[in-house]
């Protein structure tokens, strides 16, 4: 009877132990960027970056089902290397005057295998006031504690995806500027103390 009670107690304690590993992180804007590539006249890929990402995520290295991410990307953080081109892209191609922020909210994270190093992060991207489902290929880069974060845990990820401008009603000059936008994301988060 005592052994049976101990087994039951262990089974009920297991979910609590798993939940205790889930950590809350704030995105570190100094070490997080979104890079995009888009075809230009079939001659090259134009590159740009967005910075100042704002958001948070929940993550457990050993149990990915609990992962949640929300992030806002201010479109005015766009860097193209040229101020005039930046203004034109923001106004004419991104409609940033009407919709100044892109937002991503996750709906689930599925690991590729038991190594828990790569997976698929599914969610909803809102851009230009239009929300569409997207899937990102995610790589968990690791986590550690450091003196620069006052011994708080830091966790990092890399992700890639592709979207179509036309899916977000951003279809100006599709014959000159490509429809497909390839996206690379680098994110670090700093654990938030409870």
N, C-alpha and C. Protein backbone atom coordinates (compact mmCIF):
# COMPACT_ATOMS: atom_id res chain seq x y z
N UNK A 1 0.82 -1.19 0.00
CA UNK A 1 0.00 0.00 0.00
C UNK A 1 0.87 1.25 0.00
N UNK A 2 1.91 1.27 0.83
CA UNK A 2 2.80 2.43 0.89
C UNK A 2 3.51 2.64 -0.44
N UNK A 3 3.95 1.55 -1.06
CA UNK A 3 4.64 1.65 -2.34
C UNK A 3 3.69 2.21 -3.41
N UNK A 4 2.44 1.78 -3.43
CA UNK A 4 1.44 2.26 -4.38
C UNK A 4 1.21 3.76 -4.18
N UNK A 5 1.10 4.18 -2.93
CA UNK A 5 0.91 5.59 -2.63
C UNK A 5 2.11 6.41 -3.11
N UNK A 6 3.31 5.90 -2.92
CA UNK A 6 4.52 6.61 -3.37
C UNK A 6 4.55 6.75 -4.88
N UNK A 7 4.14 5.71 -5.61
CA UNK A 7 4.10 5.77 -7.07
C UNK A 7 3.07 6.81 -7.53
N UNK A 8 1.89 6.81 -6.90
CA UNK A 8 0.87 7.79 -7.25
C UNK A 8 1.35 9.21 -6.98
N UNK A 9 1.99 9.40 -5.86
CA UNK A 9 2.52 10.72 -5.51
C UNK A 9 3.54 11.18 -6.55
N UNK A 10 4.40 10.28 -6.98
CA UNK A 10 5.39 10.59 -7.99
C UNK A 10 4.73 10.97 -9.31
N UNK A 11 3.69 10.24 -9.71
CA UNK A 11 3.00 10.53 -10.96
C UNK A 11 2.33 11.90 -10.93
N UNK A 12 1.76 12.27 -9.79
CA UNK A 12 1.12 13.58 -9.68
C UNK A 12 2.16 14.70 -9.60
N UNK A 13 3.31 14.42 -9.07
CA UNK A 13 4.36 15.44 -8.95
C UNK A 13 5.07 15.68 -10.27
N UNK A 14 5.06 14.71 -11.18
CA UNK A 14 5.78 14.83 -12.44
C UNK A 14 5.34 16.02 -13.28
N UNK A 15 4.04 16.25 -13.51
CA UNK A 15 3.65 17.43 -14.29
C UNK A 15 4.10 18.73 -13.64
N UNK A 16 4.08 18.80 -12.33
CA UNK A 16 4.54 20.01 -11.64
C UNK A 16 6.02 20.22 -11.87
N UNK A 17 6.79 19.14 -11.89
CA UNK A 17 8.23 19.27 -12.14
C UNK A 17 8.49 19.75 -13.55
N UNK A 18 7.70 19.24 -14.51
CA UNK A 18 7.85 19.68 -15.90
C UNK A 18 7.49 21.15 -16.01
N UNK A 19 6.38 21.56 -15.42
CA UNK A 19 5.95 22.96 -15.50
C UNK A 19 6.95 23.89 -14.85
N UNK A 20 7.64 23.42 -13.84
CA UNK A 20 8.61 24.26 -13.13
C UNK A 20 9.80 24.63 -14.00
N UNK A 21 10.04 23.89 -15.10
CA UNK A 21 11.16 24.18 -16.00
C UNK A 21 10.83 25.29 -16.99
N UNK A 22 9.56 25.60 -17.18
CA UNK A 22 9.18 26.64 -18.13
C UNK A 22 9.61 27.99 -17.57
N UNK A 23 10.36 28.72 -18.39
CA UNK A 23 10.88 30.02 -17.96
C UNK A 23 10.28 31.13 -18.83
N UNK A 24 10.15 32.29 -18.23
CA UNK A 24 9.64 33.48 -18.93
C UNK A 24 10.84 34.34 -19.33
N UNK A 25 10.85 34.77 -20.60
CA UNK A 25 11.95 35.58 -21.12
C UNK A 25 11.40 36.86 -21.76
N UNK A 26 12.21 37.90 -21.70
CA UNK A 26 11.95 39.15 -22.40
C UNK A 26 12.94 39.21 -23.55
N UNK A 27 12.49 39.56 -24.74
CA UNK A 27 13.39 39.65 -25.89
C UNK A 27 14.39 40.77 -25.66
N UNK A 28 15.66 40.47 -25.89
CA UNK A 28 16.75 41.44 -25.75
C UNK A 28 16.89 42.17 -27.09
N UNK A 29 16.45 43.44 -27.17
CA UNK A 29 16.47 44.15 -28.45
C UNK A 29 17.88 44.42 -28.97
N UNK A 30 18.87 44.43 -28.09
CA UNK A 30 20.25 44.67 -28.54
C UNK A 30 20.83 43.48 -29.28
N UNK A 31 20.29 42.30 -29.06
CA UNK A 31 20.84 41.08 -29.66
C UNK A 31 19.78 40.31 -30.47
N UNK A 32 18.82 41.03 -31.00
CA UNK A 32 17.75 40.41 -31.79
C UNK A 32 17.51 41.23 -33.05
N UNK A 33 17.42 40.55 -34.18
CA UNK A 33 17.23 41.22 -35.47
C UNK A 33 16.40 40.35 -36.40
N UNK A 34 15.74 41.01 -37.33
CA UNK A 34 15.06 40.34 -38.44
C UNK A 34 15.73 40.83 -39.71
N UNK A 35 16.24 39.90 -40.51
CA UNK A 35 16.84 40.22 -41.79
C UNK A 35 15.94 39.66 -42.89
N UNK A 36 15.75 40.45 -43.95
CA UNK A 36 14.95 39.94 -45.07
C UNK A 36 15.69 40.11 -46.38
N UNK A 37 15.36 39.23 -47.32
CA UNK A 37 15.90 39.26 -48.68
C UNK A 37 14.72 39.24 -49.64
N UNK A 38 14.82 40.08 -50.67
CA UNK A 38 13.77 40.11 -51.67
C UNK A 38 14.40 40.37 -53.03
N UNK A 39 13.90 39.69 -54.04
CA UNK A 39 14.45 39.81 -55.39
C UNK A 39 14.32 41.24 -55.91
N UNK A 40 15.35 41.73 -56.57
CA UNK A 40 15.33 43.05 -57.20
C UNK A 40 15.67 42.91 -58.68
N UNK A 41 14.65 43.01 -59.52
CA UNK A 41 14.78 42.96 -60.98
C UNK A 41 15.38 41.67 -61.50
N UNK A 42 15.41 40.63 -60.68
CA UNK A 42 16.02 39.39 -61.10
C UNK A 42 17.54 39.45 -61.15
N UNK A 43 18.11 40.55 -60.64
CA UNK A 43 19.55 40.77 -60.71
C UNK A 43 20.26 40.47 -59.40
N UNK A 44 19.59 40.74 -58.30
CA UNK A 44 20.21 40.54 -56.99
C UNK A 44 19.10 40.45 -55.94
N UNK A 45 19.51 40.20 -54.73
CA UNK A 45 18.58 40.24 -53.60
C UNK A 45 18.84 41.51 -52.81
N UNK A 46 17.81 42.30 -52.62
CA UNK A 46 17.92 43.45 -51.73
C UNK A 46 17.80 42.95 -50.30
N UNK A 47 18.62 43.51 -49.42
CA UNK A 47 18.65 43.10 -48.02
C UNK A 47 18.21 44.25 -47.13
N UNK A 48 17.54 43.92 -46.05
CA UNK A 48 17.17 44.91 -45.06
C UNK A 48 17.04 44.25 -43.71
N UNK A 49 17.08 45.06 -42.67
CA UNK A 49 16.91 44.54 -41.31
C UNK A 49 15.90 45.38 -40.55
N UNK A 50 15.28 44.72 -39.58
CA UNK A 50 14.45 45.40 -38.59
C UNK A 50 15.06 45.13 -37.22
N UNK A 51 15.00 46.14 -36.35
CA UNK A 51 15.58 46.04 -35.01
C UNK A 51 14.51 46.45 -33.98
N UNK A 52 14.95 46.62 -32.75
CA UNK A 52 14.08 47.07 -31.65
C UNK A 52 12.88 46.16 -31.43
N UNK A 53 13.10 44.85 -31.60
CA UNK A 53 12.02 43.89 -31.37
C UNK A 53 11.57 43.98 -29.91
N UNK A 54 10.27 43.90 -29.71
CA UNK A 54 9.70 43.98 -28.37
C UNK A 54 8.78 42.79 -28.16
N UNK A 55 9.03 42.02 -27.11
CA UNK A 55 8.16 40.89 -26.86
C UNK A 55 8.67 39.99 -25.77
N UNK A 56 7.99 38.88 -25.61
CA UNK A 56 8.36 37.92 -24.58
C UNK A 56 8.08 36.51 -25.08
N UNK A 57 8.70 35.55 -24.42
CA UNK A 57 8.42 34.16 -24.75
C UNK A 57 8.56 33.29 -23.51
N UNK A 58 7.85 32.16 -23.53
CA UNK A 58 7.96 31.12 -22.51
C UNK A 58 8.63 29.95 -23.19
N UNK A 59 9.55 29.31 -22.48
CA UNK A 59 10.26 28.20 -23.11
C UNK A 59 10.84 27.28 -22.05
N UNK A 60 10.71 25.98 -22.32
CA UNK A 60 11.32 24.95 -21.51
C UNK A 60 12.16 24.11 -22.46
N UNK A 61 13.46 24.06 -22.24
CA UNK A 61 14.38 23.35 -23.13
C UNK A 61 14.02 21.88 -23.29
N UNK A 62 13.38 21.29 -22.30
CA UNK A 62 13.08 19.86 -22.32
C UNK A 62 11.64 19.52 -22.66
N UNK A 63 10.78 20.53 -22.79
CA UNK A 63 9.36 20.27 -23.02
C UNK A 63 8.79 21.42 -23.85
N UNK A 64 8.92 21.31 -25.16
CA UNK A 64 8.61 22.42 -26.06
C UNK A 64 7.12 22.74 -26.17
N UNK A 65 6.25 21.84 -25.74
CA UNK A 65 4.81 22.08 -25.88
C UNK A 65 4.35 23.34 -25.15
N UNK A 66 5.05 23.74 -24.11
CA UNK A 66 4.63 24.90 -23.33
C UNK A 66 5.10 26.23 -23.94
N UNK A 67 5.85 26.18 -25.02
CA UNK A 67 6.43 27.41 -25.60
C UNK A 67 5.35 28.35 -26.13
N UNK A 68 5.55 29.63 -25.88
CA UNK A 68 4.68 30.69 -26.39
C UNK A 68 5.56 31.89 -26.72
N UNK A 69 5.23 32.58 -27.81
CA UNK A 69 5.99 33.75 -28.25
C UNK A 69 5.03 34.84 -28.70
N UNK A 70 5.28 36.06 -28.29
CA UNK A 70 4.64 37.23 -28.88
C UNK A 70 5.72 38.27 -29.10
N UNK A 71 5.73 38.86 -30.29
CA UNK A 71 6.75 39.86 -30.60
C UNK A 71 6.16 40.92 -31.53
N UNK A 72 6.53 42.16 -31.26
CA UNK A 72 6.16 43.28 -32.12
C UNK A 72 7.43 43.82 -32.77
N UNK A 73 7.31 44.15 -34.05
CA UNK A 73 8.45 44.66 -34.81
C UNK A 73 8.08 46.05 -35.33
N UNK A 74 8.71 47.11 -34.82
CA UNK A 74 8.41 48.45 -35.33
C UNK A 74 9.00 48.61 -36.73
N UNK A 75 8.14 48.86 -37.70
CA UNK A 75 8.61 48.95 -39.08
C UNK A 75 9.55 50.13 -39.30
N UNK A 76 9.42 51.18 -38.48
CA UNK A 76 10.33 52.33 -38.65
C UNK A 76 11.76 52.03 -38.22
N UNK A 77 12.00 50.83 -37.70
CA UNK A 77 13.38 50.41 -37.39
C UNK A 77 14.09 49.86 -38.62
N UNK A 78 13.42 49.91 -39.77
CA UNK A 78 13.98 49.40 -41.03
C UNK A 78 15.31 50.06 -41.35
N UNK A 79 16.29 49.23 -41.72
CA UNK A 79 17.59 49.73 -42.16
C UNK A 79 17.89 49.10 -43.52
N UNK A 80 18.01 49.95 -44.54
CA UNK A 80 18.34 49.50 -45.89
C UNK A 80 19.69 50.05 -46.36
N UNK A 81 20.31 50.89 -45.53
CA UNK A 81 21.59 51.49 -45.92
C UNK A 81 21.45 52.78 -46.69
N UNK A 82 20.24 53.25 -46.94
CA UNK A 82 20.01 54.49 -47.67
C UNK A 82 18.72 55.14 -47.16
N UNK A 83 18.81 56.37 -46.68
CA UNK A 83 17.67 57.04 -46.04
C UNK A 83 16.52 57.27 -47.02
N UNK A 84 16.81 57.69 -48.25
CA UNK A 84 15.74 57.94 -49.22
C UNK A 84 15.00 56.66 -49.59
N UNK A 85 15.75 55.60 -49.84
CA UNK A 85 15.15 54.31 -50.19
C UNK A 85 14.33 53.79 -49.01
N UNK A 86 14.83 53.98 -47.80
CA UNK A 86 14.10 53.56 -46.59
C UNK A 86 12.74 54.24 -46.51
N UNK A 87 12.71 55.57 -46.71
CA UNK A 87 11.45 56.31 -46.66
C UNK A 87 10.46 55.79 -47.71
N UNK A 88 10.97 55.54 -48.91
CA UNK A 88 10.10 55.05 -50.00
C UNK A 88 9.53 53.67 -49.68
N UNK A 89 10.37 52.78 -49.19
CA UNK A 89 9.91 51.43 -48.86
C UNK A 89 8.87 51.47 -47.74
N UNK A 90 9.13 52.26 -46.70
CA UNK A 90 8.18 52.34 -45.59
C UNK A 90 6.83 52.86 -46.06
N UNK A 91 6.83 53.91 -46.88
CA UNK A 91 5.57 54.51 -47.32
C UNK A 91 4.89 53.71 -48.43
N UNK A 92 5.64 53.33 -49.46
CA UNK A 92 5.04 52.75 -50.66
C UNK A 92 4.92 51.23 -50.65
N UNK A 93 5.83 50.55 -49.99
CA UNK A 93 5.84 49.09 -50.05
C UNK A 93 5.34 48.42 -48.77
N UNK A 94 5.52 49.08 -47.63
CA UNK A 94 5.10 48.48 -46.35
C UNK A 94 3.85 49.13 -45.76
N UNK A 95 3.43 50.27 -46.32
CA UNK A 95 2.26 50.98 -45.80
C UNK A 95 2.40 51.25 -44.30
N UNK A 96 3.62 51.62 -43.89
CA UNK A 96 3.93 51.78 -42.46
C UNK A 96 3.25 52.99 -41.84
N UNK A 97 2.80 53.95 -42.65
CA UNK A 97 2.07 55.09 -42.08
C UNK A 97 0.74 54.63 -41.49
N UNK A 98 0.09 53.69 -42.15
CA UNK A 98 -1.20 53.17 -41.66
C UNK A 98 -1.03 52.05 -40.63
N UNK A 99 -0.01 51.22 -40.84
CA UNK A 99 0.21 50.05 -39.97
C UNK A 99 1.69 50.00 -39.59
N UNK A 100 2.08 50.72 -38.54
CA UNK A 100 3.51 50.89 -38.22
C UNK A 100 4.19 49.70 -37.54
N UNK A 101 3.43 48.66 -37.22
CA UNK A 101 4.00 47.54 -36.48
C UNK A 101 3.59 46.21 -37.12
N UNK A 102 4.54 45.29 -37.19
CA UNK A 102 4.23 43.90 -37.52
C UNK A 102 4.20 43.13 -36.21
N UNK A 103 3.36 42.11 -36.14
CA UNK A 103 3.23 41.36 -34.88
C UNK A 103 3.16 39.86 -35.20
N UNK A 104 3.88 39.08 -34.39
CA UNK A 104 3.83 37.63 -34.50
C UNK A 104 3.39 37.06 -33.16
N UNK A 105 2.46 36.11 -33.22
CA UNK A 105 2.01 35.40 -32.02
C UNK A 105 1.99 33.91 -32.34
N UNK A 106 2.69 33.14 -31.53
CA UNK A 106 2.81 31.70 -31.81
C UNK A 106 1.53 30.96 -31.46
N UNK A 107 1.36 29.83 -32.16
CA UNK A 107 0.25 28.92 -31.86
C UNK A 107 0.75 27.54 -31.47
N UNK A 108 2.05 27.28 -31.66
CA UNK A 108 2.60 25.99 -31.27
C UNK A 108 4.02 25.80 -31.74
N UNK A 109 4.77 25.00 -31.01
CA UNK A 109 6.15 24.66 -31.35
C UNK A 109 6.28 23.15 -31.33
N UNK A 110 6.71 22.59 -32.46
CA UNK A 110 6.83 21.14 -32.60
C UNK A 110 8.29 20.81 -32.89
N UNK A 111 8.96 20.03 -32.02
CA UNK A 111 10.35 19.66 -32.29
C UNK A 111 10.44 18.71 -33.48
N UNK A 112 11.55 18.80 -34.21
CA UNK A 112 11.77 17.90 -35.34
C UNK A 112 12.09 16.48 -34.88
N UNK A 113 12.76 16.35 -33.73
CA UNK A 113 13.12 15.03 -33.22
C UNK A 113 13.43 15.14 -31.73
N UNK A 114 13.92 14.05 -31.16
CA UNK A 114 14.17 14.01 -29.71
C UNK A 114 15.38 14.83 -29.27
N UNK A 115 16.18 15.32 -30.21
CA UNK A 115 17.35 16.11 -29.82
C UNK A 115 16.96 17.47 -29.26
N UNK A 116 15.74 17.93 -29.55
CA UNK A 116 15.24 19.22 -29.10
C UNK A 116 16.19 20.36 -29.47
N UNK A 117 16.67 20.32 -30.70
CA UNK A 117 17.54 21.39 -31.21
C UNK A 117 16.87 22.19 -32.32
N UNK A 118 16.00 21.53 -33.10
CA UNK A 118 15.30 22.21 -34.19
C UNK A 118 13.82 21.85 -34.15
N UNK A 119 13.02 22.72 -34.75
CA UNK A 119 11.60 22.45 -34.78
C UNK A 119 10.87 23.44 -35.67
N UNK A 120 9.55 23.36 -35.64
CA UNK A 120 8.69 24.24 -36.43
C UNK A 120 7.84 25.08 -35.47
N UNK A 121 8.02 26.38 -35.58
CA UNK A 121 7.25 27.32 -34.77
C UNK A 121 6.12 27.85 -35.64
N UNK A 122 4.90 27.52 -35.28
CA UNK A 122 3.73 27.98 -36.03
C UNK A 122 3.12 29.17 -35.32
N UNK A 123 2.53 30.05 -36.10
CA UNK A 123 1.91 31.21 -35.51
C UNK A 123 1.18 32.05 -36.52
N UNK A 124 0.80 33.25 -36.08
CA UNK A 124 0.07 34.19 -36.92
C UNK A 124 0.89 35.47 -37.02
N UNK A 125 1.13 35.90 -38.25
CA UNK A 125 1.83 37.15 -38.51
C UNK A 125 0.83 38.18 -38.98
N UNK A 126 0.84 39.34 -38.33
CA UNK A 126 0.00 40.46 -38.76
C UNK A 126 0.92 41.52 -39.35
N UNK A 127 0.67 41.85 -40.61
CA UNK A 127 1.46 42.84 -41.35
C UNK A 127 0.49 43.59 -42.24
N UNK A 128 0.58 44.91 -42.26
CA UNK A 128 -0.33 45.74 -43.06
C UNK A 128 -1.79 45.51 -42.67
N UNK A 129 -2.03 45.17 -41.41
CA UNK A 129 -3.39 44.94 -40.93
C UNK A 129 -3.99 43.62 -41.35
N UNK A 130 -3.19 42.76 -41.99
CA UNK A 130 -3.66 41.46 -42.47
C UNK A 130 -2.96 40.37 -41.66
N UNK A 131 -3.71 39.40 -41.18
CA UNK A 131 -3.14 38.31 -40.38
C UNK A 131 -3.18 37.01 -41.18
N UNK A 132 -2.02 36.35 -41.24
CA UNK A 132 -1.89 35.09 -41.97
C UNK A 132 -1.09 34.10 -41.13
N UNK A 133 -1.35 32.79 -41.30
CA UNK A 133 -0.52 31.79 -40.62
C UNK A 133 0.86 31.71 -41.26
N UNK A 134 1.87 31.51 -40.44
CA UNK A 134 3.23 31.30 -40.93
C UNK A 134 3.87 30.17 -40.13
N UNK A 135 4.85 29.53 -40.76
CA UNK A 135 5.62 28.49 -40.08
C UNK A 135 7.09 28.85 -40.20
N UNK A 136 7.79 28.88 -39.07
CA UNK A 136 9.21 29.18 -39.04
C UNK A 136 9.99 27.91 -38.73
N UNK A 137 11.10 27.72 -39.42
CA UNK A 137 12.04 26.67 -39.05
C UNK A 137 12.91 27.25 -37.94
N UNK A 138 12.90 26.62 -36.79
CA UNK A 138 13.54 27.17 -35.60
C UNK A 138 14.72 26.31 -35.17
N UNK A 139 15.79 26.97 -34.76
CA UNK A 139 16.93 26.26 -34.16
C UNK A 139 17.18 26.86 -32.78
N UNK A 140 17.18 25.99 -31.77
CA UNK A 140 17.50 26.39 -30.40
C UNK A 140 19.02 26.40 -30.28
N UNK A 141 19.60 27.57 -30.03
CA UNK A 141 21.05 27.72 -30.00
C UNK A 141 21.67 27.45 -28.64
N UNK A 142 20.85 27.45 -27.59
CA UNK A 142 21.37 27.18 -26.25
C UNK A 142 21.00 28.26 -25.26
N UNK A 143 21.43 28.06 -24.03
CA UNK A 143 21.17 29.04 -22.98
C UNK A 143 22.30 28.99 -21.96
N UNK A 144 22.48 30.10 -21.26
CA UNK A 144 23.49 30.16 -20.21
C UNK A 144 23.19 31.35 -19.30
N UNK A 145 23.96 31.44 -18.25
CA UNK A 145 23.87 32.58 -17.34
C UNK A 145 25.17 33.36 -17.46
N UNK A 146 25.08 34.67 -17.34
CA UNK A 146 26.29 35.46 -17.49
C UNK A 146 26.30 36.70 -16.63
N UNK A 147 27.48 37.27 -16.48
CA UNK A 147 27.63 38.47 -15.66
C UNK A 147 26.95 39.67 -16.31
N UNK A 148 26.83 39.66 -17.64
CA UNK A 148 26.22 40.80 -18.32
C UNK A 148 24.71 40.84 -18.14
N UNK A 149 24.13 39.76 -17.70
CA UNK A 149 22.69 39.72 -17.44
C UNK A 149 22.40 39.57 -15.95
N UNK A 150 23.36 39.95 -15.12
CA UNK A 150 23.22 39.87 -13.66
C UNK A 150 22.86 38.45 -13.24
N UNK A 151 23.53 37.49 -13.89
CA UNK A 151 23.39 36.06 -13.64
C UNK A 151 22.00 35.52 -13.96
N UNK A 152 21.25 36.26 -14.76
CA UNK A 152 19.98 35.73 -15.26
C UNK A 152 20.25 34.90 -16.51
N UNK A 153 19.44 33.88 -16.71
CA UNK A 153 19.60 33.00 -17.87
C UNK A 153 19.28 33.75 -19.16
N UNK A 154 20.09 33.48 -20.18
CA UNK A 154 19.87 34.00 -21.53
C UNK A 154 19.69 32.82 -22.46
N UNK A 155 18.75 32.93 -23.38
CA UNK A 155 18.46 31.85 -24.33
C UNK A 155 18.41 32.44 -25.73
N UNK A 156 18.94 31.68 -26.71
CA UNK A 156 18.99 32.19 -28.08
C UNK A 156 18.43 31.23 -29.11
N UNK A 157 17.87 31.80 -30.17
CA UNK A 157 17.26 31.05 -31.27
C UNK A 157 17.61 31.69 -32.60
N UNK A 158 17.63 30.86 -33.64
CA UNK A 158 17.68 31.32 -35.02
C UNK A 158 16.46 30.75 -35.72
N UNK A 159 15.90 31.50 -36.66
CA UNK A 159 14.72 31.01 -37.38
C UNK A 159 14.72 31.53 -38.81
N UNK A 160 14.08 30.78 -39.68
CA UNK A 160 13.92 31.19 -41.07
C UNK A 160 12.49 30.90 -41.51
N UNK A 161 12.03 31.70 -42.46
CA UNK A 161 10.73 31.47 -43.08
C UNK A 161 10.67 32.26 -44.37
N UNK A 162 9.62 32.06 -45.12
CA UNK A 162 9.33 32.86 -46.31
C UNK A 162 7.87 33.25 -46.27
N UNK A 163 7.59 34.48 -46.72
CA UNK A 163 6.21 34.93 -46.86
C UNK A 163 6.07 35.54 -48.25
N UNK A 164 4.84 35.75 -48.67
CA UNK A 164 4.58 36.44 -49.93
C UNK A 164 3.98 37.81 -49.61
N UNK A 165 4.53 38.84 -50.22
CA UNK A 165 4.00 40.19 -50.00
C UNK A 165 2.52 40.25 -50.34
N UNK A 166 2.16 39.61 -51.44
CA UNK A 166 0.77 39.67 -51.90
C UNK A 166 -0.21 39.08 -50.90
N UNK A 167 0.23 38.13 -50.06
CA UNK A 167 -0.65 37.57 -49.03
C UNK A 167 -1.05 38.61 -47.99
N UNK A 168 -0.26 39.68 -47.90
CA UNK A 168 -0.52 40.74 -46.92
C UNK A 168 -0.97 42.03 -47.61
N UNK A 169 -1.46 41.89 -48.85
CA UNK A 169 -1.95 43.02 -49.65
C UNK A 169 -0.87 44.08 -49.85
N UNK A 170 0.37 43.65 -49.94
CA UNK A 170 1.51 44.51 -50.24
C UNK A 170 2.03 44.09 -51.62
N UNK A 171 1.29 44.46 -52.64
CA UNK A 171 1.57 43.91 -53.97
C UNK A 171 2.03 44.95 -54.99
N UNK A 172 2.60 46.04 -54.52
CA UNK A 172 3.09 47.06 -55.45
C UNK A 172 4.29 46.54 -56.24
N UNK A 173 4.25 46.72 -57.55
CA UNK A 173 5.35 46.41 -58.48
C UNK A 173 5.90 44.99 -58.31
N UNK A 174 5.01 44.03 -58.30
CA UNK A 174 5.45 42.64 -58.17
C UNK A 174 6.32 42.21 -59.35
N UNK A 175 6.20 42.89 -60.47
CA UNK A 175 7.02 42.56 -61.63
C UNK A 175 8.46 43.05 -61.48
N UNK A 176 8.69 44.03 -60.61
CA UNK A 176 10.03 44.57 -60.40
C UNK A 176 10.67 44.08 -59.11
N UNK A 177 9.86 44.05 -58.08
CA UNK A 177 10.33 43.62 -56.76
C UNK A 177 9.62 42.30 -56.46
N UNK A 178 10.35 41.31 -56.07
CA UNK A 178 9.78 39.97 -55.88
C UNK A 178 8.62 39.91 -54.91
N UNK A 179 7.82 38.88 -55.07
CA UNK A 179 6.71 38.64 -54.16
C UNK A 179 7.19 37.88 -52.92
N UNK A 180 8.10 36.94 -53.12
CA UNK A 180 8.60 36.14 -52.00
C UNK A 180 9.61 36.93 -51.19
N UNK A 181 9.41 36.93 -49.88
CA UNK A 181 10.34 37.58 -48.95
C UNK A 181 10.92 36.49 -48.06
N UNK A 182 12.23 36.30 -48.15
CA UNK A 182 12.91 35.31 -47.30
C UNK A 182 13.37 36.02 -46.04
N UNK A 183 13.09 35.41 -44.91
CA UNK A 183 13.32 36.05 -43.61
C UNK A 183 14.23 35.19 -42.75
N UNK A 184 15.21 35.84 -42.12
CA UNK A 184 16.08 35.20 -41.14
C UNK A 184 15.96 35.99 -39.84
N UNK A 185 15.85 35.27 -38.73
CA UNK A 185 15.63 35.91 -37.43
C UNK A 185 16.66 35.40 -36.44
N UNK A 186 17.24 36.32 -35.69
CA UNK A 186 18.12 35.98 -34.57
C UNK A 186 17.53 36.63 -33.33
N UNK A 187 17.30 35.82 -32.30
CA UNK A 187 16.66 36.33 -31.08
C UNK A 187 17.39 35.81 -29.85
N UNK A 188 17.62 36.71 -28.91
CA UNK A 188 18.06 36.33 -27.57
C UNK A 188 17.04 36.86 -26.58
N UNK A 189 16.79 36.07 -25.54
CA UNK A 189 15.89 36.49 -24.49
C UNK A 189 16.57 36.43 -23.14
N UNK A 190 16.18 37.32 -22.26
CA UNK A 190 16.71 37.36 -20.90
C UNK A 190 15.60 36.91 -19.95
N UNK A 191 15.92 35.93 -19.12
CA UNK A 191 14.92 35.40 -18.19
C UNK A 191 14.43 36.49 -17.25
N UNK A 192 13.13 36.50 -17.03
CA UNK A 192 12.52 37.47 -16.13
C UNK A 192 12.35 36.83 -14.76
N UNK A 193 12.77 37.53 -13.76
CA UNK A 193 12.65 37.00 -12.40
C UNK A 193 11.22 37.18 -11.92
N UNK A 194 10.74 36.17 -11.22
CA UNK A 194 9.36 36.21 -10.71
C UNK A 194 9.27 37.08 -9.48
